Amino acid sequence: MVTLSGGLIFLLIACLAGVAMAVQGALNSALGKIIGLWEATFIVHLTATIVLIFMLFVFHVGKGEFAMCTKSPWYLYLGGLIGVIITYGVVISIPRLGAAVATTAIIVGQVLTAMLVDHFGAFGLKQISFTWIKFIGLILLAVGARLLLKN
C-alpha cells in the first residue's frame, strides 16, 4: 500500500491548487469578457465571501480567533487588496496571452517573489537562502514562458 508522507501530501495539495488556479483563471477571464473586468473581479470576491461566511459561521470551520485581529500587524491585511490585483491581472491577461502563457508568466512572478520572501524570511517565515541553482530554475521557467509565446 502506498502512503503519502508529510512532504509529498503537501506537494500534491500545492499541485491541486495550481490546477484550481488555472481553471479559476480561465473561468474568471470568460466571465470578464461577458460582464467586464472589474465586475468579474467583484463577483469572484463576492462569491468567495459568501462561501467563507457559510464555512465560518454556519459550519464553524476555523479556529474562531477573530479577537486576535487587533493583535496582527496592519500589513498582514493587505492580502485582500492583493487578491483583487491578482484576480484582475488574471482576468485581463489570459484572454490576451492564453491560459498557458499567462499562467506561466504568473508562476515566474510567483517563484521570483517567493525566492525573495524565503531569502529574507519576510513576514515571519523561515529564512531559506537563495542559491544559484534556484536562480537557474527561475531562468528556465522564464525561458519556458517565452517559448510558449512562439507559434
N, C-alpha and C. Protein backbone atom coordinates (compact mmCIF):
# COMPACT_ATOMS: atom_id res chain seq x y z
N MET A 1 0.85 -1.19 0.00
CA MET A 1 0.00 0.00 0.00
C MET A 1 0.89 1.25 0.00
N VAL A 2 0.57 2.22 -0.84
CA VAL A 2 1.34 3.45 -0.92
C VAL A 2 0.74 4.48 0.04
N THR A 3 1.59 5.07 0.85
CA THR A 3 1.14 6.12 1.75
C THR A 3 1.79 7.43 1.35
N LEU A 4 1.10 8.50 1.61
CA LEU A 4 1.64 9.82 1.29
C LEU A 4 2.31 10.38 2.54
N SER A 5 3.63 10.54 2.47
CA SER A 5 4.35 11.10 3.60
C SER A 5 4.12 12.60 3.66
N GLY A 6 4.53 13.21 4.78
CA GLY A 6 4.28 14.63 5.04
C GLY A 6 4.56 15.56 3.88
N GLY A 7 5.79 15.53 3.35
CA GLY A 7 6.13 16.44 2.26
C GLY A 7 5.38 16.16 0.98
N LEU A 8 5.17 14.90 0.69
CA LEU A 8 4.51 14.51 -0.56
C LEU A 8 3.05 14.96 -0.58
N ILE A 9 2.37 14.85 0.53
CA ILE A 9 0.96 15.25 0.58
C ILE A 9 0.83 16.76 0.33
N PHE A 10 1.76 17.54 0.88
CA PHE A 10 1.69 18.99 0.67
C PHE A 10 2.08 19.37 -0.75
N LEU A 11 2.96 18.60 -1.36
CA LEU A 11 3.30 18.82 -2.76
C LEU A 11 2.08 18.54 -3.64
N LEU A 12 1.35 17.49 -3.33
CA LEU A 12 0.13 17.15 -4.06
C LEU A 12 -0.93 18.24 -3.88
N ILE A 13 -1.09 18.72 -2.66
CA ILE A 13 -2.06 19.79 -2.39
C ILE A 13 -1.68 21.04 -3.18
N ALA A 14 -0.38 21.38 -3.20
CA ALA A 14 0.07 22.54 -3.96
C ALA A 14 -0.20 22.37 -5.45
N CYS A 15 0.03 21.16 -5.95
CA CYS A 15 -0.24 20.87 -7.36
C CYS A 15 -1.73 21.03 -7.67
N LEU A 16 -2.57 20.53 -6.80
CA LEU A 16 -4.02 20.69 -6.99
C LEU A 16 -4.43 22.16 -6.92
N ALA A 17 -3.77 22.94 -6.07
CA ALA A 17 -4.04 24.38 -6.03
C ALA A 17 -3.67 25.02 -7.36
N GLY A 18 -2.57 24.57 -7.95
CA GLY A 18 -2.18 25.07 -9.27
C GLY A 18 -3.20 24.73 -10.34
N VAL A 19 -3.73 23.52 -10.29
CA VAL A 19 -4.79 23.11 -11.22
C VAL A 19 -6.00 24.02 -11.04
N ALA A 20 -6.38 24.23 -9.77
CA ALA A 20 -7.54 25.09 -9.48
C ALA A 20 -7.30 26.52 -9.96
N MET A 21 -6.08 27.02 -9.78
CA MET A 21 -5.78 28.39 -10.23
C MET A 21 -5.91 28.54 -11.73
N ALA A 22 -5.44 27.54 -12.48
CA ALA A 22 -5.53 27.61 -13.94
C ALA A 22 -7.00 27.59 -14.39
N VAL A 23 -7.79 26.72 -13.78
CA VAL A 23 -9.22 26.64 -14.13
C VAL A 23 -9.92 27.93 -13.69
N GLN A 24 -9.60 28.40 -12.49
CA GLN A 24 -10.21 29.64 -12.00
C GLN A 24 -9.89 30.80 -12.93
N GLY A 25 -8.63 30.89 -13.36
CA GLY A 25 -8.24 31.98 -14.25
C GLY A 25 -9.02 31.96 -15.55
N ALA A 26 -9.19 30.78 -16.11
CA ALA A 26 -9.95 30.66 -17.35
C ALA A 26 -11.42 31.03 -17.13
N LEU A 27 -12.00 30.57 -16.03
CA LEU A 27 -13.40 30.90 -15.72
C LEU A 27 -13.57 32.41 -15.49
N ASN A 28 -12.67 32.99 -14.70
CA ASN A 28 -12.75 34.43 -14.41
C ASN A 28 -12.60 35.26 -15.67
N SER A 29 -11.69 34.84 -16.55
CA SER A 29 -11.49 35.58 -17.80
C SER A 29 -12.70 35.49 -18.71
N ALA A 30 -13.31 34.31 -18.78
CA ALA A 30 -14.52 34.16 -19.59
C ALA A 30 -15.64 35.03 -19.03
N LEU A 31 -15.77 35.06 -17.71
CA LEU A 31 -16.78 35.92 -17.09
C LEU A 31 -16.48 37.39 -17.37
N GLY A 32 -15.20 37.76 -17.31
CA GLY A 32 -14.80 39.14 -17.58
C GLY A 32 -15.14 39.60 -18.98
N LYS A 33 -15.07 38.70 -19.95
CA LYS A 33 -15.44 39.04 -21.33
C LYS A 33 -16.93 39.36 -21.43
N ILE A 34 -17.72 38.71 -20.59
CA ILE A 34 -19.17 38.89 -20.66
C ILE A 34 -19.64 40.10 -19.86
N ILE A 35 -19.17 40.22 -18.62
CA ILE A 35 -19.71 41.28 -17.74
C ILE A 35 -18.74 42.42 -17.47
N GLY A 36 -17.48 42.28 -17.89
CA GLY A 36 -16.48 43.34 -17.64
C GLY A 36 -15.44 42.87 -16.64
N LEU A 37 -14.24 43.45 -16.73
CA LEU A 37 -13.12 43.01 -15.91
C LEU A 37 -13.34 43.29 -14.42
N TRP A 38 -13.68 44.51 -14.10
CA TRP A 38 -13.87 44.86 -12.68
C TRP A 38 -15.10 44.18 -12.11
N GLU A 39 -16.12 44.04 -12.93
CA GLU A 39 -17.33 43.35 -12.48
C GLU A 39 -17.05 41.88 -12.17
N ALA A 40 -16.26 41.25 -13.02
CA ALA A 40 -15.89 39.85 -12.79
C ALA A 40 -15.04 39.73 -11.52
N THR A 41 -14.12 40.65 -11.34
CA THR A 41 -13.30 40.66 -10.13
C THR A 41 -14.18 40.78 -8.89
N PHE A 42 -15.16 41.65 -8.96
CA PHE A 42 -16.10 41.82 -7.84
C PHE A 42 -16.88 40.53 -7.58
N ILE A 43 -17.42 39.94 -8.62
CA ILE A 43 -18.22 38.71 -8.47
C ILE A 43 -17.38 37.59 -7.87
N VAL A 44 -16.14 37.45 -8.32
CA VAL A 44 -15.25 36.42 -7.79
C VAL A 44 -15.08 36.58 -6.28
N HIS A 45 -14.83 37.81 -5.85
CA HIS A 45 -14.60 38.05 -4.42
C HIS A 45 -15.89 37.99 -3.61
N LEU A 46 -16.99 38.40 -4.20
CA LEU A 46 -18.28 38.29 -3.52
C LEU A 46 -18.64 36.82 -3.31
N THR A 47 -18.45 36.02 -4.35
CA THR A 47 -18.73 34.59 -4.24
C THR A 47 -17.86 33.96 -3.16
N ALA A 48 -16.57 34.31 -3.15
CA ALA A 48 -15.66 33.78 -2.13
C ALA A 48 -16.10 34.20 -0.73
N THR A 49 -16.54 35.45 -0.60
CA THR A 49 -17.00 35.94 0.70
C THR A 49 -18.22 35.16 1.19
N ILE A 50 -19.15 34.92 0.29
CA ILE A 50 -20.36 34.16 0.66
C ILE A 50 -19.99 32.75 1.10
N VAL A 51 -19.11 32.10 0.36
CA VAL A 51 -18.68 30.75 0.73
C VAL A 51 -18.02 30.77 2.10
N LEU A 52 -17.15 31.75 2.33
CA LEU A 52 -16.46 31.83 3.63
C LEU A 52 -17.40 32.15 4.78
N ILE A 53 -18.42 32.95 4.53
CA ILE A 53 -19.42 33.21 5.58
C ILE A 53 -20.07 31.90 6.01
N PHE A 54 -20.44 31.10 5.03
CA PHE A 54 -21.04 29.80 5.37
C PHE A 54 -20.04 28.90 6.10
N MET A 55 -18.81 28.83 5.61
CA MET A 55 -17.81 27.96 6.23
C MET A 55 -17.55 28.37 7.68
N LEU A 56 -17.42 29.68 7.93
CA LEU A 56 -17.07 30.15 9.26
C LEU A 56 -18.26 30.18 10.23
N PHE A 57 -19.38 30.68 9.77
CA PHE A 57 -20.48 30.96 10.69
C PHE A 57 -21.60 29.93 10.67
N VAL A 58 -21.70 29.14 9.62
CA VAL A 58 -22.72 28.10 9.56
C VAL A 58 -22.10 26.75 9.91
N PHE A 59 -20.96 26.44 9.28
CA PHE A 59 -20.33 25.14 9.50
C PHE A 59 -19.24 25.18 10.58
N HIS A 60 -18.93 26.37 11.08
CA HIS A 60 -17.97 26.58 12.17
C HIS A 60 -16.60 25.96 11.88
N VAL A 61 -16.16 26.10 10.63
CA VAL A 61 -14.82 25.67 10.25
C VAL A 61 -13.87 26.82 10.58
N GLY A 62 -12.76 26.53 11.19
CA GLY A 62 -11.79 27.56 11.53
C GLY A 62 -11.47 27.54 13.00
N LYS A 63 -10.57 28.43 13.40
CA LYS A 63 -10.09 28.47 14.77
C LYS A 63 -10.98 29.32 15.69
N GLY A 64 -11.80 30.19 15.12
CA GLY A 64 -12.64 31.06 15.94
C GLY A 64 -11.84 32.11 16.69
N GLU A 65 -10.79 32.62 16.07
CA GLU A 65 -9.88 33.56 16.72
C GLU A 65 -10.00 34.99 16.20
N PHE A 66 -11.20 35.43 15.87
CA PHE A 66 -11.36 36.79 15.34
C PHE A 66 -10.90 37.86 16.31
N ALA A 67 -10.93 37.58 17.60
CA ALA A 67 -10.48 38.55 18.60
C ALA A 67 -9.00 38.88 18.44
N MET A 68 -8.25 38.00 17.79
CA MET A 68 -6.82 38.22 17.58
C MET A 68 -6.54 39.20 16.43
N CYS A 69 -7.57 39.62 15.72
CA CYS A 69 -7.39 40.55 14.60
C CYS A 69 -6.66 41.82 15.02
N THR A 70 -6.95 42.30 16.19
CA THR A 70 -6.32 43.55 16.64
C THR A 70 -4.85 43.36 17.00
N LYS A 71 -4.40 42.15 17.13
CA LYS A 71 -3.02 41.87 17.51
C LYS A 71 -2.11 41.61 16.30
N SER A 72 -2.67 41.60 15.12
CA SER A 72 -1.89 41.35 13.91
C SER A 72 -1.37 42.66 13.33
N PRO A 73 -0.16 42.66 12.78
CA PRO A 73 0.35 43.88 12.13
C PRO A 73 -0.54 44.28 10.95
N TRP A 74 -0.67 45.57 10.73
CA TRP A 74 -1.57 46.11 9.71
C TRP A 74 -1.29 45.54 8.33
N TYR A 75 -0.03 45.35 7.98
CA TYR A 75 0.31 44.93 6.62
C TYR A 75 -0.13 43.50 6.31
N LEU A 76 -0.43 42.71 7.32
CA LEU A 76 -0.92 41.35 7.07
C LEU A 76 -2.33 41.36 6.49
N TYR A 77 -3.00 42.49 6.54
CA TYR A 77 -4.35 42.61 6.00
C TYR A 77 -4.35 43.07 4.54
N LEU A 78 -3.19 43.21 3.95
CA LEU A 78 -3.12 43.62 2.54
C LEU A 78 -3.44 42.48 1.58
N GLY A 79 -3.60 41.27 2.11
CA GLY A 79 -3.90 40.12 1.26
C GLY A 79 -5.17 40.29 0.44
N GLY A 80 -6.18 40.92 1.02
CA GLY A 80 -7.43 41.16 0.28
C GLY A 80 -7.20 42.09 -0.90
N LEU A 81 -6.48 43.17 -0.67
CA LEU A 81 -6.15 44.10 -1.74
C LEU A 81 -5.32 43.40 -2.82
N ILE A 82 -4.35 42.63 -2.38
CA ILE A 82 -3.51 41.90 -3.33
C ILE A 82 -4.35 40.88 -4.10
N GLY A 83 -5.33 40.27 -3.43
CA GLY A 83 -6.23 39.33 -4.10
C GLY A 83 -7.00 39.98 -5.24
N VAL A 84 -7.42 41.22 -5.04
CA VAL A 84 -8.11 41.95 -6.11
C VAL A 84 -7.15 42.20 -7.28
N ILE A 85 -5.92 42.58 -6.97
CA ILE A 85 -4.92 42.83 -8.02
C ILE A 85 -4.64 41.53 -8.79
N ILE A 86 -4.51 40.43 -8.07
CA ILE A 86 -4.25 39.13 -8.71
C ILE A 86 -5.41 38.75 -9.63
N THR A 87 -6.62 38.82 -9.10
CA THR A 87 -7.78 38.43 -9.89
C THR A 87 -7.91 39.29 -11.14
N TYR A 88 -7.75 40.60 -10.99
CA TYR A 88 -7.82 41.50 -12.14
C TYR A 88 -6.72 41.17 -13.14
N GLY A 89 -5.50 40.94 -12.65
CA GLY A 89 -4.39 40.60 -13.54
C GLY A 89 -4.63 39.33 -14.33
N VAL A 90 -5.20 38.33 -13.68
CA VAL A 90 -5.52 37.06 -14.35
C VAL A 90 -6.62 37.28 -15.38
N VAL A 91 -7.66 37.99 -14.97
CA VAL A 91 -8.82 38.22 -15.85
C VAL A 91 -8.41 38.98 -17.11
N ILE A 92 -7.49 39.92 -16.97
CA ILE A 92 -7.11 40.73 -18.13
C ILE A 92 -6.04 40.05 -18.99
N SER A 93 -5.16 39.21 -18.38
CA SER A 93 -4.05 38.65 -19.14
C SER A 93 -4.39 37.37 -19.90
N ILE A 94 -5.22 36.52 -19.35
CA ILE A 94 -5.50 35.23 -20.01
C ILE A 94 -6.14 35.39 -21.39
N PRO A 95 -7.14 36.27 -21.57
CA PRO A 95 -7.70 36.38 -22.92
C PRO A 95 -6.69 36.91 -23.95
N ARG A 96 -5.72 37.70 -23.51
CA ARG A 96 -4.76 38.28 -24.44
C ARG A 96 -3.56 37.37 -24.70
N LEU A 97 -3.17 36.58 -23.70
CA LEU A 97 -1.99 35.74 -23.83
C LEU A 97 -2.31 34.26 -24.01
N GLY A 98 -3.48 33.86 -23.56
CA GLY A 98 -3.83 32.45 -23.49
C GLY A 98 -3.56 31.95 -22.08
N ALA A 99 -4.26 30.90 -21.70
CA ALA A 99 -4.16 30.39 -20.33
C ALA A 99 -2.75 29.88 -20.02
N ALA A 100 -2.12 29.17 -20.94
CA ALA A 100 -0.80 28.59 -20.66
C ALA A 100 0.27 29.66 -20.48
N VAL A 101 0.32 30.63 -21.39
CA VAL A 101 1.35 31.67 -21.31
C VAL A 101 1.12 32.55 -20.08
N ALA A 102 -0.12 32.98 -19.88
CA ALA A 102 -0.40 33.84 -18.72
C ALA A 102 -0.09 33.12 -17.42
N THR A 103 -0.49 31.87 -17.31
CA THR A 103 -0.24 31.11 -16.09
C THR A 103 1.26 30.92 -15.88
N THR A 104 2.00 30.66 -16.94
CA THR A 104 3.45 30.51 -16.81
C THR A 104 4.09 31.81 -16.35
N ALA A 105 3.66 32.93 -16.92
CA ALA A 105 4.19 34.23 -16.50
C ALA A 105 3.85 34.51 -15.04
N ILE A 106 2.64 34.16 -14.64
CA ILE A 106 2.22 34.32 -13.25
C ILE A 106 3.12 33.48 -12.34
N ILE A 107 3.40 32.26 -12.76
CA ILE A 107 4.24 31.37 -11.95
C ILE A 107 5.66 31.92 -11.85
N VAL A 108 6.20 32.47 -12.93
CA VAL A 108 7.54 33.07 -12.88
C VAL A 108 7.55 34.21 -11.86
N GLY A 109 6.53 35.06 -11.90
CA GLY A 109 6.44 36.14 -10.92
C GLY A 109 6.30 35.61 -9.50
N GLN A 110 5.51 34.57 -9.33
CA GLN A 110 5.33 33.96 -8.02
C GLN A 110 6.63 33.39 -7.48
N VAL A 111 7.33 32.65 -8.33
CA VAL A 111 8.56 32.00 -7.89
C VAL A 111 9.63 33.04 -7.55
N LEU A 112 9.78 34.06 -8.38
CA LEU A 112 10.74 35.12 -8.10
C LEU A 112 10.44 35.77 -6.75
N THR A 113 9.20 36.13 -6.54
CA THR A 113 8.81 36.77 -5.29
C THR A 113 8.97 35.82 -4.11
N ALA A 114 8.58 34.56 -4.31
CA ALA A 114 8.73 33.56 -3.24
C ALA A 114 10.19 33.36 -2.87
N MET A 115 11.08 33.39 -3.87
CA MET A 115 12.51 33.27 -3.58
C MET A 115 12.99 34.43 -2.71
N LEU A 116 12.52 35.63 -2.99
CA LEU A 116 12.90 36.79 -2.19
C LEU A 116 12.32 36.71 -0.78
N VAL A 117 11.05 36.31 -0.69
CA VAL A 117 10.42 36.14 0.63
C VAL A 117 11.18 35.11 1.44
N ASP A 118 11.52 33.98 0.82
CA ASP A 118 12.28 32.94 1.51
C ASP A 118 13.65 33.45 1.93
N HIS A 119 14.35 34.09 1.02
CA HIS A 119 15.72 34.53 1.28
C HIS A 119 15.78 35.49 2.48
N PHE A 120 14.83 36.40 2.54
CA PHE A 120 14.84 37.39 3.62
C PHE A 120 14.01 36.95 4.83
N GLY A 121 13.31 35.83 4.72
CA GLY A 121 12.46 35.39 5.83
C GLY A 121 11.37 36.41 6.11
N ALA A 122 10.82 37.00 5.05
CA ALA A 122 9.82 38.05 5.19
C ALA A 122 8.55 37.55 5.87
N PHE A 123 7.88 38.45 6.55
CA PHE A 123 6.59 38.20 7.19
C PHE A 123 6.66 37.10 8.25
N GLY A 124 7.83 36.92 8.84
CA GLY A 124 8.00 35.94 9.90
C GLY A 124 8.16 34.51 9.43
N LEU A 125 8.34 34.31 8.12
CA LEU A 125 8.54 32.96 7.60
C LEU A 125 9.99 32.51 7.80
N LYS A 126 10.18 31.22 7.74
CA LYS A 126 11.52 30.65 7.88
C LYS A 126 12.41 31.14 6.75
N GLN A 127 13.64 31.53 7.09
CA GLN A 127 14.58 32.02 6.09
C GLN A 127 15.20 30.83 5.36
N ILE A 128 15.09 30.86 4.02
CA ILE A 128 15.67 29.82 3.17
C ILE A 128 16.54 30.54 2.14
N SER A 129 17.83 30.27 2.18
CA SER A 129 18.79 31.02 1.38
C SER A 129 18.56 30.87 -0.12
N PHE A 130 18.84 31.96 -0.82
CA PHE A 130 18.84 31.98 -2.27
C PHE A 130 20.08 31.21 -2.75
N THR A 131 19.92 30.42 -3.80
CA THR A 131 21.07 29.74 -4.40
C THR A 131 21.04 29.97 -5.90
N TRP A 132 22.18 29.79 -6.53
CA TRP A 132 22.27 29.97 -7.97
C TRP A 132 21.49 28.90 -8.71
N ILE A 133 21.39 27.72 -8.13
CA ILE A 133 20.59 26.65 -8.75
C ILE A 133 19.12 27.08 -8.82
N LYS A 134 18.63 27.70 -7.76
CA LYS A 134 17.25 28.20 -7.76
C LYS A 134 17.08 29.29 -8.81
N PHE A 135 18.09 30.15 -8.94
CA PHE A 135 18.04 31.20 -9.94
C PHE A 135 18.00 30.61 -11.35
N ILE A 136 18.80 29.59 -11.60
CA ILE A 136 18.78 28.92 -12.91
C ILE A 136 17.40 28.31 -13.17
N GLY A 137 16.79 27.72 -12.14
CA GLY A 137 15.43 27.20 -12.28
C GLY A 137 14.45 28.29 -12.67
N LEU A 138 14.58 29.46 -12.06
CA LEU A 138 13.72 30.59 -12.40
C LEU A 138 13.94 31.03 -13.85
N ILE A 139 15.19 31.09 -14.28
CA ILE A 139 15.51 31.46 -15.66
C ILE A 139 14.88 30.45 -16.63
N LEU A 140 14.97 29.17 -16.29
CA LEU A 140 14.37 28.14 -17.16
C LEU A 140 12.85 28.31 -17.23
N LEU A 141 12.22 28.67 -16.11
CA LEU A 141 10.77 28.95 -16.15
C LEU A 141 10.48 30.12 -17.08
N ALA A 142 11.27 31.19 -16.98
CA ALA A 142 11.06 32.36 -17.82
C ALA A 142 11.28 32.02 -19.29
N VAL A 143 12.29 31.21 -19.59
CA VAL A 143 12.53 30.78 -20.97
C VAL A 143 11.34 29.96 -21.46
N GLY A 144 10.82 29.10 -20.58
CA GLY A 144 9.64 28.32 -20.94
C GLY A 144 8.46 29.20 -21.27
N ALA A 145 8.26 30.25 -20.49
CA ALA A 145 7.17 31.20 -20.78
C ALA A 145 7.37 31.83 -22.16
N ARG A 146 8.61 32.20 -22.46
CA ARG A 146 8.92 32.82 -23.75
C ARG A 146 8.67 31.84 -24.90
N LEU A 147 9.06 30.58 -24.69
CA LEU A 147 8.85 29.56 -25.72
C LEU A 147 7.37 29.31 -25.96
N LEU A 148 6.56 29.39 -24.91
CA LEU A 148 5.12 29.22 -25.08
C LEU A 148 4.49 30.32 -25.92
N LEU A 149 5.13 31.50 -25.97
CA LEU A 149 4.61 32.60 -26.79
C LEU A 149 4.81 32.37 -28.28
N LYS A 150 5.77 31.50 -28.63
CA LYS A 150 6.05 31.23 -30.05
C LYS A 150 4.93 30.40 -30.65
N ASN A 151 4.60 30.68 -31.89
CA ASN A 151 3.55 29.90 -32.58
C ASN A 151 4.11 28.71 -33.28
